[in-house]
Amino acid sequence: MFITFEGIDGSGKSTQAQLLVDRLRRTGLRVCLFREPGGTKLAERVRALLLDPELEISPLVELLLFSSARAQLVEEAIRPELNHGAIVVCDRFYDSTTAYQGAGRGVLEMEWVKAFNGKITGGLIPDRTYYISITPALAAERRDARSDARGTGGTGGTGDDAGRDRMEMADSSFYQRVVSAYDQLAAAEPQRITQLDGRLTIDELHEAIWADIQELRLPHGG
């Protein structure tokens, strides 16, 4: 079984992915957690490039780098684990490319990007995708708070980019395009994508996800 988490930076998706993995493991199931980009040696190196705030990367190159990291992750890690009966949870997958590079960057038409994603993953489709919906304004507040907690400083509306990676340095209009794209994807594929209100507390979101996942045919633990 393949489960993915989506949402803009600051939505809380990574926290929810980890909580779900921890709970599934407590039931005795074999569960693997990956992040995108990342999960393999090659993909982690690509991640460092993509998030480096000192690098200027053109939108098309950005799309290709994300896609190359994903192709390696699918071939080297995700498919083998699925073939061995594991539940695989991934923090971001191809919906991120459709929303971020397709709509946010405006690299190419979203339908082209969606078709390209299918080629890159060999047709692999998540069994369930949890999209945590949040406004760009609230997400920015959370990212600033996260930066402050690390002692690196946040945006604070001052234009200070300290502590933010290259993707987080995009402006609010970029994130609004990304959110709109996610909303369109959720409306187009309600059987796969479960949209959740990111304003809920961490516990409320987790319980909503756990209740939904009980409807999936999970393998037996042991």
C-alpha atoms as a PDB file:
ATOM      1  CA  MET A   1       0.000   0.000   0.000  1.00  0.00           C
ATOM      2  CA  PHE A   2       1.279   3.420  -0.969  1.00  0.00           C
ATOM      3  CA  ILE A   3       0.231   6.558   0.962  1.00  0.00           C
ATOM      4  CA  THR A   4       1.392  10.105   0.240  1.00  0.00           C
ATOM      5  CA  PHE A   5       1.088  13.460   2.000  1.00  0.00           C
ATOM      6  CA  GLU A   6       0.757  16.768   0.189  1.00  0.00           C
ATOM      7  CA  GLY A   7       0.390  20.454   1.011  1.00  0.00           C
ATOM      8  CA  ILE A   8       2.347  23.682   0.894  1.00  0.00           C
ATOM      9  CA  ASP A   9       5.329  24.281   3.160  1.00  0.00           C
ATOM     10  CA  GLY A  10       4.035  24.905   6.681  1.00  0.00           C
ATOM     11  CA  SER A  11       0.855  22.866   6.304  1.00  0.00           C
ATOM     12  CA  GLY A  12       1.959  20.231   8.810  1.00  0.00           C
ATOM     13  CA  LYS A  13       2.073  17.341   6.347  1.00  0.00           C
ATOM     14  CA  SER A  14       5.481  16.077   7.511  1.00  0.00           C
ATOM     15  CA  THR A  15       4.286  15.910  11.112  1.00  0.00           C
ATOM     16  CA  GLN A  16       1.190  13.980  10.059  1.00  0.00           C
ATOM     17  CA  ALA A  17       3.198  11.575   7.908  1.00  0.00           C
ATOM     18  CA  GLN A  18       5.454  10.725  10.851  1.00  0.00           C
ATOM     19  CA  LEU A  19       2.522  10.325  13.268  1.00  0.00           C
ATOM     20  CA  LEU A  20       0.804   7.922  10.887  1.00  0.00           C
ATOM     21  CA  VAL A  21       3.964   5.880  10.385  1.00  0.00           C
ATOM     22  CA  ASP A  22       4.532   5.630  14.144  1.00  0.00           C
ATOM     23  CA  ARG A  23       0.965   4.466  14.771  1.00  0.00           C
ATOM     24  CA  LEU A  24       0.989   1.937  11.949  1.00  0.00           C
ATOM     25  CA  ARG A  25       4.254   0.490  13.243  1.00  0.00           C
ATOM     26  CA  ARG A  26       2.753   0.085  16.709  1.00  0.00           C
ATOM     27  CA  THR A  27       0.162  -2.251  15.167  1.00  0.00           C
ATOM     28  CA  GLY A  28       2.961  -4.529  13.968  1.00  0.00           C
ATOM     29  CA  LEU A  29       2.936  -3.512  10.326  1.00  0.00           C
ATOM     30  CA  ARG A  30       6.054  -3.067   8.227  1.00  0.00           C
ATOM     31  CA  VAL A  31       6.095   0.609   7.257  1.00  0.00           C
ATOM     32  CA  CYS A  32       8.654   2.694   5.358  1.00  0.00           C
ATOM     33  CA  LEU A  33       8.748   6.490   5.351  1.00  0.00           C
ATOM     34  CA  PHE A  34      10.398   8.490   2.575  1.00  0.00           C
ATOM     35  CA  ARG A  35      10.562  12.190   1.779  1.00  0.00           C
ATOM     36  CA  GLU A  36      10.762  14.021  -1.513  1.00  0.00           C
ATOM     37  CA  PRO A  37      13.131  14.930  -2.799  1.00  0.00           C
ATOM     38  CA  GLY A  38      15.292  12.375  -1.003  1.00  0.00           C
ATOM     39  CA  GLY A  39      15.242   8.795   0.178  1.00  0.00           C
ATOM     40  CA  THR A  40      18.279   7.625  -1.798  1.00  0.00           C
ATOM     41  CA  LYS A  41      21.881   8.820  -1.949  1.00  0.00           C
ATOM     42  CA  LEU A  42      21.357  10.389  -5.354  1.00  0.00           C
ATOM     43  CA  ALA A  43      18.020  11.965  -4.422  1.00  0.00           C
ATOM     44  CA  GLU A  44      19.420  13.441  -1.202  1.00  0.00           C
ATOM     45  CA  ARG A  45      22.176  15.139  -3.198  1.00  0.00           C
ATOM     46  CA  VAL A  46      19.593  16.495  -5.612  1.00  0.00           C
ATOM     47  CA  ARG A  47      17.610  17.747  -2.601  1.00  0.00           C
ATOM     48  CA  ALA A  48      20.606  19.717  -1.372  1.00  0.00           C
ATOM     49  CA  LEU A  49      20.873  21.414  -4.757  1.00  0.00           C
ATOM     50  CA  LEU A  50      17.171  22.193  -5.019  1.00  0.00           C
ATOM     51  CA  LEU A  51      16.936  23.732  -1.560  1.00  0.00           C
ATOM     52  CA  ASP A  52      20.202  25.691  -1.652  1.00  0.00           C
ATOM     53  CA  PRO A  53      19.145  29.377  -1.380  1.00  0.00           C
ATOM     54  CA  GLU A  54      22.402  30.484  -3.018  1.00  0.00           C
ATOM     55  CA  LEU A  55      21.650  28.689  -6.289  1.00  0.00           C
ATOM     56  CA  GLU A  56      19.610  30.075  -9.147  1.00  0.00           C
ATOM     57  CA  ILE A  57      17.747  27.246 -10.860  1.00  0.00           C
ATOM     58  CA  SER A  58      15.507  27.813 -13.860  1.00  0.00           C
ATOM     59  CA  PRO A  59      11.922  26.492 -13.571  1.00  0.00           C
ATOM     60  CA  LEU A  60      12.380  23.776 -16.197  1.00  0.00           C
ATOM     61  CA  VAL A  61      15.636  22.566 -14.643  1.00  0.00           C
ATOM     62  CA  GLU A  62      13.899  22.545 -11.261  1.00  0.00           C
ATOM     63  CA  LEU A  63      11.151  20.299 -12.641  1.00  0.00           C
ATOM     64  CA  LEU A  64      13.688  17.918 -14.171  1.00  0.00           C
ATOM     65  CA  LEU A  65      15.748  17.736 -10.979  1.00  0.00           C
ATOM     66  CA  PHE A  66      12.700  16.925  -8.857  1.00  0.00           C
ATOM     67  CA  SER A  67      11.652  14.319 -11.414  1.00  0.00           C
ATOM     68  CA  SER A  68      15.067  12.666 -11.584  1.00  0.00           C
ATOM     69  CA  ALA A  69      15.155  12.348  -7.794  1.00  0.00           C
ATOM     70  CA  ARG A  70      11.651  10.844  -7.850  1.00  0.00           C
ATOM     71  CA  ALA A  71      12.498   8.340 -10.576  1.00  0.00           C
ATOM     72  CA  GLN A  72      15.478   7.122  -8.551  1.00  0.00           C
ATOM     73  CA  LEU A  73      13.415   6.888  -5.360  1.00  0.00           C
ATOM     74  CA  VAL A  74      10.680   4.856  -7.064  1.00  0.00           C
ATOM     75  CA  GLU A  75      13.106   2.450  -8.705  1.00  0.00           C
ATOM     76  CA  GLU A  76      15.525   2.030  -5.826  1.00  0.00           C
ATOM     77  CA  ALA A  77      13.257   2.176  -2.793  1.00  0.00           C
ATOM     78  CA  ILE A  78       9.490   2.540  -3.183  1.00  0.00           C
ATOM     79  CA  ARG A  79       8.754  -0.269  -5.652  1.00  0.00           C
ATOM     80  CA  PRO A  80      11.031  -2.811  -3.919  1.00  0.00           C
ATOM     81  CA  GLU A  81       9.387  -2.103  -0.556  1.00  0.00           C
ATOM     82  CA  LEU A  82       5.890  -2.354  -2.031  1.00  0.00           C
ATOM     83  CA  ASN A  83       6.852  -5.637  -3.704  1.00  0.00           C
ATOM     84  CA  HIS A  84       7.929  -6.968  -0.309  1.00  0.00           C
ATOM     85  CA  GLY A  85       4.554  -6.130   1.203  1.00  0.00           C
ATOM     86  CA  ALA A  86       5.464  -2.986   3.114  1.00  0.00           C
ATOM     87  CA  ILE A  87       3.241   0.030   3.570  1.00  0.00           C
ATOM     88  CA  VAL A  88       5.107   2.950   2.026  1.00  0.00           C
ATOM     89  CA  VAL A  89       4.412   6.498   3.214  1.00  0.00           C
ATOM     90  CA  CYS A  90       5.933   9.367   1.257  1.00  0.00           C
ATOM     91  CA  ASP A  91       6.161  13.012   2.310  1.00  0.00           C
ATOM     92  CA  ARG A  92       5.364  14.512  -1.123  1.00  0.00           C
ATOM     93  CA  PHE A  93       5.108  12.726  -4.470  1.00  0.00           C
ATOM     94  CA  TYR A  94       4.181  13.725  -8.015  1.00  0.00           C
ATOM     95  CA  ASP A  95       1.256  15.964  -6.996  1.00  0.00           C
ATOM     96  CA  SER A  96       3.889  18.350  -5.627  1.00  0.00           C
ATOM     97  CA  THR A  97       5.476  18.681  -9.056  1.00  0.00           C
ATOM     98  CA  THR A  98       2.109  19.275 -10.687  1.00  0.00           C
ATOM     99  CA  ALA A  99       1.269  21.990  -8.142  1.00  0.00           C
ATOM    100  CA  TYR A 100       4.669  23.600  -7.576  1.00  0.00           C
ATOM    101  CA  GLN A 101       6.364  23.395 -10.959  1.00  0.00           C
ATOM    102  CA  GLY A 102       3.294  23.053 -13.165  1.00  0.00           C
ATOM    103  CA  ALA A 103       1.170  25.786 -11.590  1.00  0.00           C
ATOM    104  CA  GLY A 104       3.480  27.644  -9.229  1.00  0.00           C
ATOM    105  CA  ARG A 105       6.399  28.067 -11.621  1.00  0.00           C
ATOM    106  CA  GLY A 106       4.237  27.864 -14.723  1.00  0.00           C
ATOM    107  CA  VAL A 107       6.846  25.703 -16.445  1.00  0.00           C
ATOM    108  CA  LEU A 108       4.421  23.844 -18.701  1.00  0.00           C
ATOM    109  CA  GLU A 109       0.694  23.128 -18.806  1.00  0.00           C
ATOM    110  CA  MET A 110      -0.510  21.128 -15.824  1.00  0.00           C
ATOM    111  CA  GLU A 111      -1.899  18.330 -18.001  1.00  0.00           C
ATOM    112  CA  TRP A 112       1.521  17.925 -19.647  1.00  0.00           C
ATOM    113  CA  VAL A 113       3.193  17.822 -16.225  1.00  0.00           C
ATOM    114  CA  LYS A 114       0.692  15.228 -14.972  1.00  0.00           C
ATOM    115  CA  ALA A 115       1.375  13.001 -17.997  1.00  0.00           C
ATOM    116  CA  PHE A 116       5.129  13.461 -17.529  1.00  0.00           C
ATOM    117  CA  ASN A 117       4.804  12.468 -13.874  1.00  0.00           C
ATOM    118  CA  GLY A 118       3.236   9.198 -14.972  1.00  0.00           C
ATOM    119  CA  LYS A 119       6.197   8.441 -17.206  1.00  0.00           C
ATOM    120  CA  ILE A 120       8.686   9.267 -14.463  1.00  0.00           C
ATOM    121  CA  THR A 121       7.049   6.949 -11.909  1.00  0.00           C
ATOM    122  CA  GLY A 122       6.270   4.139 -14.323  1.00  0.00           C
ATOM    123  CA  GLY A 123       2.560   4.604 -13.676  1.00  0.00           C
ATOM    124  CA  LEU A 124       2.815   4.249  -9.894  1.00  0.00           C
ATOM    125  CA  ILE A 125      -0.245   5.864  -8.262  1.00  0.00           C
ATOM    126  CA  PRO A 126      -0.743   6.339  -4.499  1.00  0.00           C
ATOM    127  CA  ASP A 127      -3.571   4.361  -2.942  1.00  0.00           C
ATOM    128  CA  ARG A 128      -4.377   7.381  -0.791  1.00  0.00           C
ATOM    129  CA  THR A 129      -3.120  10.945  -0.764  1.00  0.00           C
ATOM    130  CA  TYR A 130      -3.739  13.215   2.222  1.00  0.00           C
ATOM    131  CA  TYR A 131      -3.762  16.836   1.160  1.00  0.00           C
ATOM    132  CA  ILE A 132      -3.582  19.207   4.121  1.00  0.00           C
ATOM    133  CA  SER A 133      -5.126  22.461   2.929  1.00  0.00           C
ATOM    134  CA  ILE A 134      -3.968  25.751   4.401  1.00  0.00           C
ATOM    135  CA  THR A 135      -3.852  29.376   3.289  1.00  0.00           C
ATOM    136  CA  PRO A 136      -0.502  30.828   2.176  1.00  0.00           C
ATOM    137  CA  ALA A 137      -0.772  33.485   4.905  1.00  0.00           C
ATOM    138  CA  LEU A 138      -1.133  30.958   7.738  1.00  0.00           C
ATOM    139  CA  ALA A 139       1.587  28.774   6.250  1.00  0.00           C
ATOM    140  CA  ALA A 140       3.939  31.776   6.168  1.00  0.00           C
ATOM    141  CA  GLU A 141       3.212  32.493   9.840  1.00  0.00           C
ATOM    142  CA  ARG A 142       4.085  28.912  10.715  1.00  0.00           C
ATOM    143  CA  ARG A 143       7.287  28.980   8.672  1.00  0.00           C
ATOM    144  CA  ASP A 144       8.325  32.194  10.423  1.00  0.00           C
ATOM    145  CA  ALA A 145       7.620  30.647  13.820  1.00  0.00           C
ATOM    146  CA  ARG A 146       9.640  27.585  12.837  1.00  0.00           C
ATOM    147  CA  SER A 147      12.577  29.776  11.787  1.00  0.00           C
ATOM    148  CA  ASP A 148      12.357  31.755  15.026  1.00  0.00           C
ATOM    149  CA  ALA A 149      12.368  28.512  17.017  1.00  0.00           C
ATOM    150  CA  ARG A 150      15.594  27.527  15.242  1.00  0.00           C
ATOM    151  CA  GLY A 151      17.023  30.931  16.079  1.00  0.00           C
ATOM    152  CA  THR A 152      17.541  31.766  12.417  1.00  0.00           C
ATOM    153  CA  GLY A 153      14.947  34.480  12.066  1.00  0.00           C
ATOM    154  CA  GLY A 154      11.920  34.481   9.821  1.00  0.00           C
ATOM    155  CA  THR A 155      10.484  36.633   7.119  1.00  0.00           C
ATOM    156  CA  GLY A 156       8.490  38.789   9.483  1.00  0.00           C
ATOM    157  CA  GLY A 157       7.374  40.835   6.514  1.00  0.00           C
ATOM    158  CA  THR A 158      10.804  42.457   6.378  1.00  0.00           C
ATOM    159  CA  GLY A 159      12.214  40.569   3.411  1.00  0.00           C
ATOM    160  CA  ASP A 160      14.750  38.778   5.622  1.00  0.00           C
ATOM    161  CA  ASP A 161      15.338  35.356   4.018  1.00  0.00           C
ATOM    162  CA  ALA A 162      17.595  33.983   6.748  1.00  0.00           C
ATOM    163  CA  GLY A 163      16.773  30.420   7.698  1.00  0.00           C
ATOM    164  CA  ARG A 164      14.627  29.701   4.634  1.00  0.00           C
ATOM    165  CA  ASP A 165      15.482  27.257   1.879  1.00  0.00           C
ATOM    166  CA  ARG A 166      15.237  28.139  -1.803  1.00  0.00           C
ATOM    167  CA  MET A 167      11.672  26.832  -2.218  1.00  0.00           C
ATOM    168  CA  GLU A 168      10.432  28.683   0.879  1.00  0.00           C
ATOM    169  CA  MET A 169      11.707  31.974  -0.523  1.00  0.00           C
ATOM    170  CA  ALA A 170       8.919  32.114  -3.132  1.00  0.00           C
ATOM    171  CA  ASP A 171       6.404  34.954  -2.786  1.00  0.00           C
ATOM    172  CA  SER A 172       2.768  34.722  -1.703  1.00  0.00           C
ATOM    173  CA  SER A 173       1.414  34.755  -5.259  1.00  0.00           C
ATOM    174  CA  PHE A 174       3.470  31.650  -6.018  1.00  0.00           C
ATOM    175  CA  TYR A 175       1.992  29.832  -3.040  1.00  0.00           C
ATOM    176  CA  GLN A 176      -1.515  30.931  -3.979  1.00  0.00           C
ATOM    177  CA  ARG A 177      -1.072  29.333  -7.406  1.00  0.00           C
ATOM    178  CA  VAL A 178       0.185  26.169  -5.737  1.00  0.00           C
ATOM    179  CA  VAL A 179      -2.813  26.037  -3.393  1.00  0.00           C
ATOM    180  CA  SER A 180      -5.220  26.563  -6.289  1.00  0.00           C
ATOM    181  CA  ALA A 181      -3.566  23.699  -8.170  1.00  0.00           C
ATOM    182  CA  TYR A 182      -3.819  21.386  -5.159  1.00  0.00           C
ATOM    183  CA  ASP A 183      -7.497  22.266  -4.796  1.00  0.00           C
ATOM    184  CA  GLN A 184      -8.071  21.400  -8.464  1.00  0.00           C
ATOM    185  CA  LEU A 185      -6.280  18.076  -8.074  1.00  0.00           C
ATOM    186  CA  ALA A 186      -8.339  17.195  -5.001  1.00  0.00           C
ATOM    187  CA  ALA A 187     -11.584  18.042  -6.810  1.00  0.00           C
ATOM    188  CA  ALA A 188     -10.546  15.980  -9.848  1.00  0.00           C
ATOM    189  CA  GLU A 189      -9.528  12.864  -7.890  1.00  0.00           C
ATOM    190  CA  PRO A 190     -11.694  12.634  -4.761  1.00  0.00           C
ATOM    191  CA  GLN A 191     -11.392   8.837  -4.732  1.00  0.00           C
ATOM    192  CA  ARG A 192      -7.630   9.133  -4.154  1.00  0.00           C
ATOM    193  CA  ILE A 193      -7.087  12.523  -2.539  1.00  0.00           C
ATOM    194  CA  THR A 194      -8.538  13.207   0.903  1.00  0.00           C
ATOM    195  CA  GLN A 195      -8.523  16.941   1.602  1.00  0.00           C
ATOM    196  CA  LEU A 196      -8.128  17.981   5.244  1.00  0.00           C
ATOM    197  CA  ASP A 197      -8.391  21.350   6.979  1.00  0.00           C
ATOM    198  CA  GLY A 198      -4.896  22.425   8.030  1.00  0.00           C
ATOM    199  CA  ARG A 199      -6.356  24.728  10.698  1.00  0.00           C
ATOM    200  CA  LEU A 200      -7.229  21.698  12.821  1.00  0.00           C
ATOM    201  CA  THR A 201      -4.934  20.779  15.690  1.00  0.00           C
ATOM    202  CA  ILE A 202      -2.230  18.181  15.190  1.00  0.00           C
ATOM    203  CA  ASP A 203      -4.248  15.615  17.157  1.00  0.00           C
ATOM    204  CA  GLU A 204      -7.477  16.382  15.289  1.00  0.00           C
ATOM    205  CA  LEU A 205      -5.764  15.964  11.935  1.00  0.00           C
ATOM    206  CA  HIS A 206      -4.124  12.726  13.004  1.00  0.00           C
ATOM    207  CA  GLU A 207      -7.385  11.230  14.211  1.00  0.00           C
ATOM    208  CA  ALA A 208      -9.136  12.228  10.984  1.00  0.00           C
ATOM    209  CA  ILE A 209      -6.395  10.536   8.976  1.00  0.00           C
ATOM    210  CA  TRP A 210      -6.473   7.450  11.192  1.00  0.00           C
ATOM    211  CA  ALA A 211     -10.246   7.156  10.850  1.00  0.00           C
ATOM    212  CA  ASP A 212      -9.974   7.422   7.069  1.00  0.00           C
ATOM    213  CA  ILE A 213      -7.178   4.914   6.775  1.00  0.00           C
ATOM    214  CA  GLN A 214      -9.253   2.280   8.545  1.00  0.00           C
ATOM    215  CA  GLU A 215     -11.367   2.161   5.396  1.00  0.00           C
ATOM    216  CA  LEU A 216      -8.356   1.005   3.370  1.00  0.00           C
ATOM    217  CA  ARG A 217      -7.550  -2.679   3.211  1.00  0.00           C
ATOM    218  CA  LEU A 218      -4.418  -2.714   5.338  1.00  0.00           C
ATOM    219  CA  PRO A 219      -2.246  -5.840   5.397  1.00  0.00           C
ATOM    220  CA  HIS A 220      -2.032  -7.820   8.610  1.00  0.00           C
ATOM    221  CA  GLY A 221       0.867  -7.128  10.934  1.00  0.00           C
ATOM    222  CA  GLY A 222       3.234  -9.627  12.442  1.00  0.00           C
END
